Amino acid sequence: MRIAALLLIIFGLLGLLTSCAHTNPPPMDMQEAIQRATTPCDHEALAEHYEETAKELQSKVKEYKKMLESYGSVTFNYGKEGLALQSQSKNLINLYEQAIKANMDMADSHRAMAAEIK
């Protein structure tokens, strides 16, 4: 009887702890992570973070390219604002593509650092 009660308490506490756990981890403090990176695994984790960020940015590029197409096909509906929206979309696409390149370069750098340490 005591064992059953003890198991019930343990599983109850485990259930409580898992329900309180964060499903989304807090954002990575990149400056601290870069400074503490000393092992190949650390650099691989940073490279994966940069690649994941680049993938997220790529999805934004696709979204803005779709918007740009919609503004271009019916510019007369938007008037002067349509031209401004097109220009803004082009600028955002350009900025996101630059950010993608920078993130991929950082990922490549960290993969090279990981390879040097091995």
C-alpha atoms as a PDB file:
ATOM      1  CA  MET A   1       0.000   0.000   0.000  1.00  0.00           C
ATOM      2  CA  ARG A   2       2.847   2.375   0.842  1.00  0.00           C
ATOM      3  CA  ILE A   3       4.577   1.598  -2.449  1.00  0.00           C
ATOM      4  CA  ALA A   4       1.415   2.343  -4.423  1.00  0.00           C
ATOM      5  CA  ALA A   5       0.970   5.661  -2.609  1.00  0.00           C
ATOM      6  CA  LEU A   6       4.642   6.546  -3.150  1.00  0.00           C
ATOM      7  CA  LEU A   7       4.404   5.717  -6.873  1.00  0.00           C
ATOM      8  CA  LEU A   8       1.243   7.788  -7.159  1.00  0.00           C
ATOM      9  CA  ILE A   9       2.969  10.772  -5.549  1.00  0.00           C
ATOM     10  CA  ILE A  10       6.067  10.391  -7.755  1.00  0.00           C
ATOM     11  CA  PHE A  11       4.052  10.148 -10.980  1.00  0.00           C
ATOM     12  CA  GLY A  12       1.853  13.023  -9.858  1.00  0.00           C
ATOM     13  CA  LEU A  13       4.896  15.221  -9.269  1.00  0.00           C
ATOM     14  CA  LEU A  14       6.419  14.187 -12.601  1.00  0.00           C
ATOM     15  CA  GLY A  15       3.171  15.052 -14.341  1.00  0.00           C
ATOM     16  CA  LEU A  16       3.108  18.427 -12.616  1.00  0.00           C
ATOM     17  CA  LEU A  17       6.712  19.156 -13.561  1.00  0.00           C
ATOM     18  CA  THR A  18       6.233  18.229 -17.207  1.00  0.00           C
ATOM     19  CA  SER A  19       3.101  20.346 -17.464  1.00  0.00           C
ATOM     20  CA  CYS A  20       5.061  23.337 -16.172  1.00  0.00           C
ATOM     21  CA  ALA A  21       7.950  22.836 -18.571  1.00  0.00           C
ATOM     22  CA  HIS A  22       8.379  25.394 -21.332  1.00  0.00           C
ATOM     23  CA  THR A  23       7.480  24.082 -24.741  1.00  0.00           C
ATOM     24  CA  ASN A  24       9.379  26.891 -26.463  1.00  0.00           C
ATOM     25  CA  PRO A  25      12.891  27.394 -25.130  1.00  0.00           C
ATOM     26  CA  PRO A  26      13.942  30.974 -24.460  1.00  0.00           C
ATOM     27  CA  PRO A  27      15.828  32.661 -27.291  1.00  0.00           C
ATOM     28  CA  MET A  28      19.523  31.920 -27.399  1.00  0.00           C
ATOM     29  CA  ASP A  29      21.822  34.684 -26.138  1.00  0.00           C
ATOM     30  CA  MET A  30      24.045  34.614 -29.189  1.00  0.00           C
ATOM     31  CA  GLN A  31      26.840  36.769 -27.783  1.00  0.00           C
ATOM     32  CA  GLU A  32      27.196  34.502 -24.768  1.00  0.00           C
ATOM     33  CA  ALA A  33      26.855  31.331 -26.847  1.00  0.00           C
ATOM     34  CA  ILE A  34      29.583  32.476 -29.240  1.00  0.00           C
ATOM     35  CA  GLN A  35      31.939  33.388 -26.400  1.00  0.00           C
ATOM     36  CA  ARG A  36      31.405  30.039 -24.667  1.00  0.00           C
ATOM     37  CA  ALA A  37      31.739  27.923 -27.804  1.00  0.00           C
ATOM     38  CA  THR A  38      34.814  25.770 -27.265  1.00  0.00           C
ATOM     39  CA  THR A  39      33.834  22.309 -28.461  1.00  0.00           C
ATOM     40  CA  PRO A  40      32.859  21.051 -31.909  1.00  0.00           C
ATOM     41  CA  CYS A  41      29.337  20.418 -30.557  1.00  0.00           C
ATOM     42  CA  ASP A  42      29.040  24.060 -29.478  1.00  0.00           C
ATOM     43  CA  HIS A  43      30.026  25.278 -32.937  1.00  0.00           C
ATOM     44  CA  GLU A  44      27.704  22.755 -34.614  1.00  0.00           C
ATOM     45  CA  ALA A  45      24.819  24.022 -32.459  1.00  0.00           C
ATOM     46  CA  LEU A  46      25.597  27.604 -33.473  1.00  0.00           C
ATOM     47  CA  ALA A  47      25.785  26.586 -37.133  1.00  0.00           C
ATOM     48  CA  GLU A  48      22.403  24.871 -36.873  1.00  0.00           C
ATOM     49  CA  HIS A  49      20.937  27.975 -35.215  1.00  0.00           C
ATOM     50  CA  TYR A  50      22.180  30.177 -38.066  1.00  0.00           C
ATOM     51  CA  GLU A  51      20.840  27.745 -40.661  1.00  0.00           C
ATOM     52  CA  GLU A  52      17.448  27.609 -38.942  1.00  0.00           C
ATOM     53  CA  THR A  53      17.332  31.403 -38.894  1.00  0.00           C
ATOM     54  CA  ALA A  54      18.181  31.462 -42.600  1.00  0.00           C
ATOM     55  CA  LYS A  55      15.307  29.043 -43.304  1.00  0.00           C
ATOM     56  CA  GLU A  56      12.886  31.288 -41.414  1.00  0.00           C
ATOM     57  CA  LEU A  57      14.110  34.289 -43.375  1.00  0.00           C
ATOM     58  CA  GLN A  58      13.717  32.350 -46.629  1.00  0.00           C
ATOM     59  CA  SER A  59      10.047  31.782 -45.829  1.00  0.00           C
ATOM     60  CA  LYS A  60       9.656  35.544 -45.347  1.00  0.00           C
ATOM     61  CA  VAL A  61      11.292  36.137 -48.733  1.00  0.00           C
ATOM     62  CA  LYS A  62       8.755  33.799 -50.362  1.00  0.00           C
ATOM     63  CA  GLU A  63       5.924  35.618 -48.597  1.00  0.00           C
ATOM     64  CA  TYR A  64       7.106  39.031 -49.778  1.00  0.00           C
ATOM     65  CA  LYS A  65       7.658  37.766 -53.327  1.00  0.00           C
ATOM     66  CA  LYS A  66       4.030  36.608 -53.396  1.00  0.00           C
ATOM     67  CA  MET A  67       2.933  40.017 -52.133  1.00  0.00           C
ATOM     68  CA  LEU A  68       5.064  41.726 -54.764  1.00  0.00           C
ATOM     69  CA  GLU A  69       3.419  39.644 -57.486  1.00  0.00           C
ATOM     70  CA  SER A  70      -0.044  40.558 -56.224  1.00  0.00           C
ATOM     71  CA  TYR A  71       0.827  44.263 -56.116  1.00  0.00           C
ATOM     72  CA  GLY A  72       2.279  44.081 -59.628  1.00  0.00           C
ATOM     73  CA  SER A  73      -0.728  42.368 -61.173  1.00  0.00           C
ATOM     74  CA  VAL A  74      -3.288  44.890 -59.894  1.00  0.00           C
ATOM     75  CA  THR A  75      -1.279  48.098 -59.444  1.00  0.00           C
ATOM     76  CA  PHE A  76      -4.191  50.200 -60.703  1.00  0.00           C
ATOM     77  CA  ASN A  77      -6.260  49.109 -57.684  1.00  0.00           C
ATOM     78  CA  TYR A  78      -3.692  50.487 -55.248  1.00  0.00           C
ATOM     79  CA  GLY A  79      -2.782  53.736 -57.006  1.00  0.00           C
ATOM     80  CA  LYS A  80       0.319  55.518 -55.690  1.00  0.00           C
ATOM     81  CA  GLU A  81       0.291  53.270 -52.637  1.00  0.00           C
ATOM     82  CA  GLY A  82       0.722  50.281 -54.941  1.00  0.00           C
ATOM     83  CA  LEU A  83       4.036  51.627 -56.204  1.00  0.00           C
ATOM     84  CA  ALA A  84       5.149  52.314 -52.635  1.00  0.00           C
ATOM     85  CA  LEU A  85       4.138  48.796 -51.595  1.00  0.00           C
ATOM     86  CA  GLN A  86       6.077  47.326 -54.519  1.00  0.00           C
ATOM     87  CA  SER A  87       9.154  49.335 -53.608  1.00  0.00           C
ATOM     88  CA  GLN A  88       8.895  48.395 -49.951  1.00  0.00           C
ATOM     89  CA  SER A  89       8.476  44.712 -50.815  1.00  0.00           C
ATOM     90  CA  LYS A  90      11.531  44.797 -53.100  1.00  0.00           C
ATOM     91  CA  ASN A  91      13.596  46.459 -50.372  1.00  0.00           C
ATOM     92  CA  LEU A  92      12.494  43.920 -47.762  1.00  0.00           C
ATOM     93  CA  ILE A  93      13.248  41.028 -50.113  1.00  0.00           C
ATOM     94  CA  ASN A  94      16.729  42.454 -50.695  1.00  0.00           C
ATOM     95  CA  LEU A  95      17.352  42.908 -46.953  1.00  0.00           C
ATOM     96  CA  TYR A  96      16.114  39.414 -46.112  1.00  0.00           C
ATOM     97  CA  GLU A  97      18.314  37.902 -48.830  1.00  0.00           C
ATOM     98  CA  GLN A  98      21.334  39.737 -47.401  1.00  0.00           C
ATOM     99  CA  ALA A  99      20.458  38.433 -43.934  1.00  0.00           C
ATOM    100  CA  ILE A 100      20.124  34.886 -45.319  1.00  0.00           C
ATOM    101  CA  LYS A 101      23.589  35.143 -46.862  1.00  0.00           C
ATOM    102  CA  ALA A 102      25.061  36.502 -43.609  1.00  0.00           C
ATOM    103  CA  ASN A 103      23.481  33.689 -41.579  1.00  0.00           C
ATOM    104  CA  MET A 104      24.715  31.023 -43.982  1.00  0.00           C
ATOM    105  CA  ASP A 105      28.214  32.547 -43.900  1.00  0.00           C
ATOM    106  CA  MET A 106      28.153  32.412 -40.098  1.00  0.00           C
ATOM    107  CA  ALA A 107      26.979  28.792 -40.216  1.00  0.00           C
ATOM    108  CA  ASP A 108      29.834  27.916 -42.585  1.00  0.00           C
ATOM    109  CA  SER A 109      32.326  29.686 -40.298  1.00  0.00           C
ATOM    110  CA  HIS A 110      31.170  27.746 -37.252  1.00  0.00           C
ATOM    111  CA  ARG A 111      31.253  24.454 -39.153  1.00  0.00           C
ATOM    112  CA  ALA A 112      34.851  25.251 -40.166  1.00  0.00           C
ATOM    113  CA  MET A 113      35.721  26.044 -36.537  1.00  0.00           C
ATOM    114  CA  ALA A 114      34.178  22.766 -35.433  1.00  0.00           C
ATOM    115  CA  ALA A 115      36.244  20.905 -38.027  1.00  0.00           C
ATOM    116  CA  GLU A 116      39.458  22.623 -36.860  1.00  0.00           C
ATOM    117  CA  ILE A 117      38.860  21.622 -33.248  1.00  0.00           C
ATOM    118  CA  LYS A 118      38.265  17.938 -34.070  1.00  0.00           C
END
